[in-house]
């Protein structure tokens, strides 16, 4: 580190500024980092702020934000993402429903300790679930933490006003809370935090069902864009925007929706 510092000190001022910016981007967060700013804004009940290295929680604890390593392989991102890795791919909120590029899975890279801190670990303690009345009038259970249940109620209110042909894709619900891992990663699903919902199975397409050994996964979707738009307006991302798609799946991830809406 000392030799690196001496070489850095010998650089001329303009080059020093460029190198400093590059190091901040490559090796960690900074006080004004928009990615961590988005986390603070998305989960204000749990996160108090951040410094140039870590997330600062309201209980006084802190968590290393890690680095966004551009060379980290896709499989490792799925199984061992840092907090900053979660922002590797920009979620295309409001974009037209179209086949995603290969391995474009925005939101599937998750730092498991972060979400255990935000919602609790279902393997160790109960998740704070509350009933939400869904579009078909039935009660389902969703996490109260971070306002997730309240946002799901707002989604239900919107979908209830859609035409029948659109609304029927939203129920019966295939599931919400389930303390289980994701099938292809072994990491806890967002269902394990009570922060995900699967809609009508009859309108669902899932990459593992469709792949059947294909080199390139054929894209399938039957979920109406009106329903996708309603969820995205209230902080949920959609599994149909992933290359490894799960079109009935929506999860509460407001930190990924902080940017401007993409034009259709």
Protein backbone atom coordinates (compact mmCIF):
# COMPACT_ATOMS: atom_id res chain seq x y z
CA UNK A 1 0.00 0.00 0.00
CA UNK A 2 2.87 2.42 0.78
CA UNK A 3 4.47 1.99 -2.65
CA UNK A 4 1.07 2.51 -4.27
CA UNK A 5 0.58 5.71 -2.25
CA UNK A 6 4.03 7.03 -3.27
CA UNK A 7 3.30 6.39 -6.96
CA UNK A 8 -0.08 8.09 -6.59
CA UNK A 9 1.56 11.14 -4.93
CA UNK A 10 3.94 11.54 -7.88
CA UNK A 11 1.09 11.84 -10.36
CA UNK A 12 0.29 15.26 -11.78
CA UNK A 13 -2.85 16.88 -10.37
CA UNK A 14 -5.26 16.22 -13.35
CA UNK A 15 -4.30 12.55 -13.55
CA UNK A 16 -4.54 12.21 -9.78
CA UNK A 17 -8.16 13.36 -9.91
CA UNK A 18 -8.99 10.86 -12.63
CA UNK A 19 -7.35 8.01 -10.77
CA UNK A 20 -9.13 8.95 -7.56
CA UNK A 21 -12.50 8.79 -9.31
CA UNK A 22 -11.63 5.45 -10.88
CA UNK A 23 -10.61 3.97 -7.53
CA UNK A 24 -13.85 5.09 -5.90
CA UNK A 25 -15.93 3.49 -8.64
CA UNK A 26 -13.95 0.26 -8.74
CA UNK A 27 -13.32 -0.38 -5.06
CA UNK A 28 -16.24 0.91 -3.05
CA UNK A 29 -18.85 3.42 -2.11
CA UNK A 30 -18.38 7.07 -1.30
CA UNK A 31 -20.37 9.42 0.89
CA UNK A 32 -22.43 10.70 -2.07
CA UNK A 33 -22.79 7.31 -3.77
CA UNK A 34 -26.18 7.24 -5.52
CA UNK A 35 -26.47 3.46 -5.04
CA UNK A 36 -26.24 3.67 -1.28
CA UNK A 37 -28.30 6.85 -1.25
CA UNK A 38 -31.04 4.78 -2.91
CA UNK A 39 -30.81 2.14 -0.17
CA UNK A 40 -31.13 4.77 2.56
CA UNK A 41 -34.15 6.33 0.83
CA UNK A 42 -35.80 2.93 0.25
CA UNK A 43 -35.48 1.62 3.81
CA UNK A 44 -35.48 4.67 6.13
CA UNK A 45 -36.98 2.74 9.05
CA UNK A 46 -33.95 0.45 9.12
CA UNK A 47 -31.09 2.40 7.54
CA UNK A 48 -29.92 5.70 9.01
CA UNK A 49 -27.29 6.52 6.40
CA UNK A 50 -23.93 5.46 5.01
CA UNK A 51 -20.33 6.53 4.93
CA UNK A 52 -17.73 5.83 2.26
CA UNK A 53 -17.51 2.12 3.18
CA UNK A 54 -20.60 0.90 4.96
CA UNK A 55 -24.35 1.04 5.54
CA UNK A 56 -25.24 2.52 8.95
CA UNK A 57 -28.34 1.02 10.60
CA UNK A 58 -30.61 2.72 13.09
CA UNK A 59 -29.73 0.17 15.78
CA UNK A 60 -26.15 1.45 15.68
CA UNK A 61 -24.68 -1.45 13.68
CA UNK A 62 -22.94 -1.12 10.33
CA UNK A 63 -22.45 -3.39 7.34
CA UNK A 64 -19.65 -3.29 4.79
CA UNK A 65 -20.95 -2.25 1.36
CA UNK A 66 -18.23 -4.31 -0.32
CA UNK A 67 -17.00 -3.60 -3.81
CA UNK A 68 -18.59 -3.76 -7.22
CA UNK A 69 -16.08 -6.06 -8.88
CA UNK A 70 -16.60 -5.86 -12.67
CA UNK A 71 -14.78 -9.16 -13.10
CA UNK A 72 -16.99 -11.21 -10.75
CA UNK A 73 -18.59 -14.11 -12.68
CA UNK A 74 -22.37 -14.30 -13.04
CA UNK A 75 -22.71 -17.46 -10.93
CA UNK A 76 -20.71 -15.88 -8.10
CA UNK A 77 -22.87 -12.74 -8.26
CA UNK A 78 -25.94 -14.93 -7.72
CA UNK A 79 -24.41 -16.75 -4.75
CA UNK A 80 -22.19 -14.14 -3.12
CA UNK A 81 -23.18 -10.61 -4.10
CA UNK A 82 -21.99 -7.59 -2.15
CA UNK A 83 -24.33 -4.71 -1.40
CA UNK A 84 -22.84 -2.74 -4.29
CA UNK A 85 -23.05 -5.76 -6.63
CA UNK A 86 -26.83 -5.52 -6.31
CA UNK A 87 -26.73 -2.40 -8.48
CA UNK A 88 -24.64 -3.99 -11.24
CA UNK A 89 -27.59 -4.09 -13.63
CA UNK A 90 -30.05 -1.20 -13.86
CA UNK A 91 -33.65 -2.34 -13.57
CA UNK A 92 -35.59 -1.06 -16.65
CA UNK A 93 -38.67 0.30 -14.88
CA UNK A 94 -41.46 1.14 -17.31
CA UNK A 95 -39.77 -0.41 -20.34
CA UNK A 96 -41.71 -2.38 -22.93
CA UNK A 97 -42.13 -6.08 -22.15
CA UNK A 98 -39.47 -7.70 -24.31
CA UNK A 99 -36.93 -10.56 -24.16
CA UNK A 100 -34.00 -9.50 -21.93
CA UNK A 101 -30.36 -9.85 -23.04
CA UNK A 102 -28.44 -12.93 -21.95
CA UNK A 103 -27.81 -13.02 -18.17
CA UNK A 104 -29.60 -9.71 -17.67
CA UNK A 105 -31.15 -10.40 -14.25
CA UNK A 106 -31.47 -7.04 -12.44
CA UNK A 107 -32.43 -7.67 -8.84
CA UNK A 108 -31.33 -11.32 -8.65
CA UNK A 109 -27.96 -10.33 -7.16
CA UNK A 110 -28.71 -10.02 -3.43
CA UNK A 111 -26.55 -9.61 -0.36
CA UNK A 112 -28.25 -12.10 1.98
CA UNK A 113 -27.01 -10.54 5.26
CA UNK A 114 -28.45 -7.17 4.19
CA UNK A 115 -31.94 -8.59 3.67
CA UNK A 116 -31.76 -10.56 6.90
CA UNK A 117 -31.05 -7.25 8.60
CA UNK A 118 -33.92 -5.51 6.81
CA UNK A 119 -36.53 -8.22 7.36
CA UNK A 120 -35.16 -10.88 9.71
CA UNK A 121 -33.91 -14.40 9.03
CA UNK A 122 -36.82 -16.84 8.81
CA UNK A 123 -34.50 -19.69 9.84
CA UNK A 124 -33.93 -18.04 13.20
CA UNK A 125 -37.00 -15.95 13.99
CA UNK A 126 -40.53 -15.18 12.83
CA UNK A 127 -41.03 -12.69 10.03
CA UNK A 128 -43.39 -9.81 10.86
CA UNK A 129 -46.30 -10.73 8.58
CA UNK A 130 -49.65 -8.94 8.35
CA UNK A 131 -52.79 -9.74 6.30
CA UNK A 132 -53.36 -7.94 3.01
CA UNK A 133 -56.70 -8.16 1.19
CA UNK A 134 -55.94 -9.11 -2.41
CA UNK A 135 -57.84 -8.38 -5.62
CA UNK A 136 -60.08 -11.45 -5.25
CA UNK A 137 -61.04 -10.47 -1.70
CA UNK A 138 -58.88 -13.14 -0.09
CA UNK A 139 -56.34 -12.40 2.63
CA UNK A 140 -52.67 -13.11 2.04
CA UNK A 141 -49.75 -12.50 4.37
CA UNK A 142 -46.90 -10.13 3.61
CA UNK A 143 -44.15 -8.50 5.63
CA UNK A 144 -45.02 -5.30 7.45
CA UNK A 145 -41.37 -4.22 7.51
CA UNK A 146 -40.26 -1.30 5.36
CA UNK A 147 -43.86 -0.57 4.37
CA UNK A 148 -43.95 -3.55 2.00
CA UNK A 149 -47.48 -4.70 2.96
CA UNK A 150 -48.85 -1.16 2.59
CA UNK A 151 -47.38 -0.90 -0.90
CA UNK A 152 -48.87 -4.27 -1.85
CA UNK A 153 -52.27 -3.01 -0.71
CA UNK A 154 -51.84 -0.04 -3.05
CA UNK A 155 -51.06 -2.42 -5.92
CA UNK A 156 -54.20 -4.42 -5.15
CA UNK A 157 -56.32 -1.25 -5.23
CA UNK A 158 -55.02 -0.40 -8.71
CA UNK A 159 -55.45 -3.89 -10.16
CA UNK A 160 -59.02 -4.08 -8.81
CA UNK A 161 -59.97 -1.33 -11.28
CA UNK A 162 -58.48 -3.03 -14.34
CA UNK A 163 -60.66 -4.76 -16.96
CA UNK A 164 -61.52 -8.38 -16.18
CA UNK A 165 -59.27 -9.71 -18.97
CA UNK A 166 -56.28 -8.04 -17.28
CA UNK A 167 -57.31 -8.52 -13.66
CA UNK A 168 -57.71 -12.30 -13.91
CA UNK A 169 -53.93 -12.75 -14.29
CA UNK A 170 -53.48 -11.52 -10.71
CA UNK A 171 -55.34 -14.31 -8.89
CA UNK A 172 -55.53 -16.84 -7.42
CA UNK A 173 -52.19 -16.03 -5.83
CA UNK A 174 -49.65 -18.87 -6.05
CA UNK A 175 -47.78 -17.80 -2.90
CA UNK A 176 -46.25 -15.09 -0.73
CA UNK A 177 -44.25 -15.99 2.38
CA UNK A 178 -42.22 -19.21 2.27
CA UNK A 179 -38.98 -19.82 4.18
CA UNK A 180 -37.04 -21.39 1.30
CA UNK A 181 -34.03 -20.81 -0.94
CA UNK A 182 -34.04 -19.95 -4.64
CA UNK A 183 -33.86 -23.18 -6.61
CA UNK A 184 -30.80 -22.38 -8.73
CA UNK A 185 -28.73 -20.33 -6.24
CA UNK A 186 -29.27 -21.83 -2.79
CA UNK A 187 -29.67 -18.33 -1.33
CA UNK A 188 -32.85 -17.31 0.47
CA UNK A 189 -35.67 -16.23 -1.80
CA UNK A 190 -37.39 -12.88 -1.26
CA UNK A 191 -40.38 -15.06 -0.34
CA UNK A 192 -38.41 -16.05 2.76
CA UNK A 193 -38.60 -12.43 3.94
CA UNK A 194 -42.31 -12.16 3.18
CA UNK A 195 -41.50 -9.55 0.52
CA UNK A 196 -42.47 -11.38 -2.69
CA UNK A 197 -45.69 -12.53 -4.32
CA UNK A 198 -46.38 -15.02 -7.12
CA UNK A 199 -49.56 -14.39 -9.12
CA UNK A 200 -51.82 -16.71 -11.12
CA UNK A 201 -49.92 -19.87 -12.07
CA UNK A 202 -51.97 -20.21 -15.27
CA UNK A 203 -50.36 -16.99 -16.54
CA UNK A 204 -46.86 -17.94 -15.46
CA UNK A 205 -43.76 -18.76 -17.46
CA UNK A 206 -40.53 -19.83 -15.77
CA UNK A 207 -37.14 -20.22 -17.41
CA UNK A 208 -36.42 -23.67 -15.94
CA UNK A 209 -39.70 -24.93 -17.43
CA UNK A 210 -38.91 -23.49 -20.85
CA UNK A 211 -35.13 -24.01 -21.18
CA UNK A 212 -35.08 -27.80 -21.64
CA UNK A 213 -31.36 -27.84 -22.34
CA UNK A 214 -31.44 -24.95 -24.82
CA UNK A 215 -28.27 -22.86 -25.14
CA UNK A 216 -30.34 -19.68 -25.26
CA UNK A 217 -33.46 -19.66 -23.11
CA UNK A 218 -36.58 -18.91 -25.20
CA UNK A 219 -38.54 -16.04 -23.69
CA UNK A 220 -42.22 -16.53 -22.78
CA UNK A 221 -44.61 -14.13 -21.07
CA UNK A 222 -48.36 -13.88 -20.54
CA UNK A 223 -48.44 -11.31 -17.72
CA UNK A 224 -50.24 -8.09 -18.84
CA UNK A 225 -48.12 -4.95 -18.85
CA UNK A 226 -50.80 -3.10 -16.86
CA UNK A 227 -50.13 -5.38 -13.89
CA UNK A 228 -46.37 -5.00 -14.26
CA UNK A 229 -46.73 -1.22 -14.34
CA UNK A 230 -48.88 -1.20 -11.20
CA UNK A 231 -46.32 -3.19 -9.23
CA UNK A 232 -43.42 -1.06 -10.45
CA UNK A 233 -45.22 2.14 -9.45
CA UNK A 234 -45.26 0.88 -5.86
CA UNK A 235 -41.69 -0.35 -5.45
CA UNK A 236 -41.83 -3.90 -6.82
CA UNK A 237 -39.62 -5.40 -9.50
CA UNK A 238 -40.87 -8.08 -11.89
CA UNK A 239 -39.22 -11.44 -12.59
CA UNK A 240 -40.29 -11.19 -16.21
CA UNK A 241 -37.55 -8.60 -16.81
CA UNK A 242 -34.89 -11.25 -16.14
CA UNK A 243 -33.17 -13.43 -18.73
CA UNK A 244 -33.77 -16.23 -16.19
CA UNK A 245 -37.39 -15.16 -16.04
CA UNK A 246 -40.18 -15.91 -13.57
CA UNK A 247 -43.15 -14.00 -14.90
CA UNK A 248 -45.55 -14.55 -12.00
CA UNK A 249 -42.99 -13.23 -9.50
CA UNK A 250 -42.89 -9.71 -8.02
CA UNK A 251 -40.69 -8.62 -5.11
CA UNK A 252 -40.47 -5.43 -3.09
CA UNK A 253 -37.17 -3.77 -4.08
CA UNK A 254 -37.70 0.01 -4.04
CA UNK A 255 -33.95 0.71 -4.04
CA UNK A 256 -33.79 -0.52 -7.66
CA UNK A 257 -36.58 1.78 -8.86
CA UNK A 258 -35.05 5.10 -7.89
CA UNK A 259 -34.11 6.11 -11.44
CA UNK A 260 -36.33 7.65 -14.13
CA UNK A 261 -38.98 5.57 -15.86
CA UNK A 262 -37.89 4.08 -19.19
CA UNK A 263 -40.04 5.18 -22.13
CA UNK A 264 -41.97 2.48 -23.94
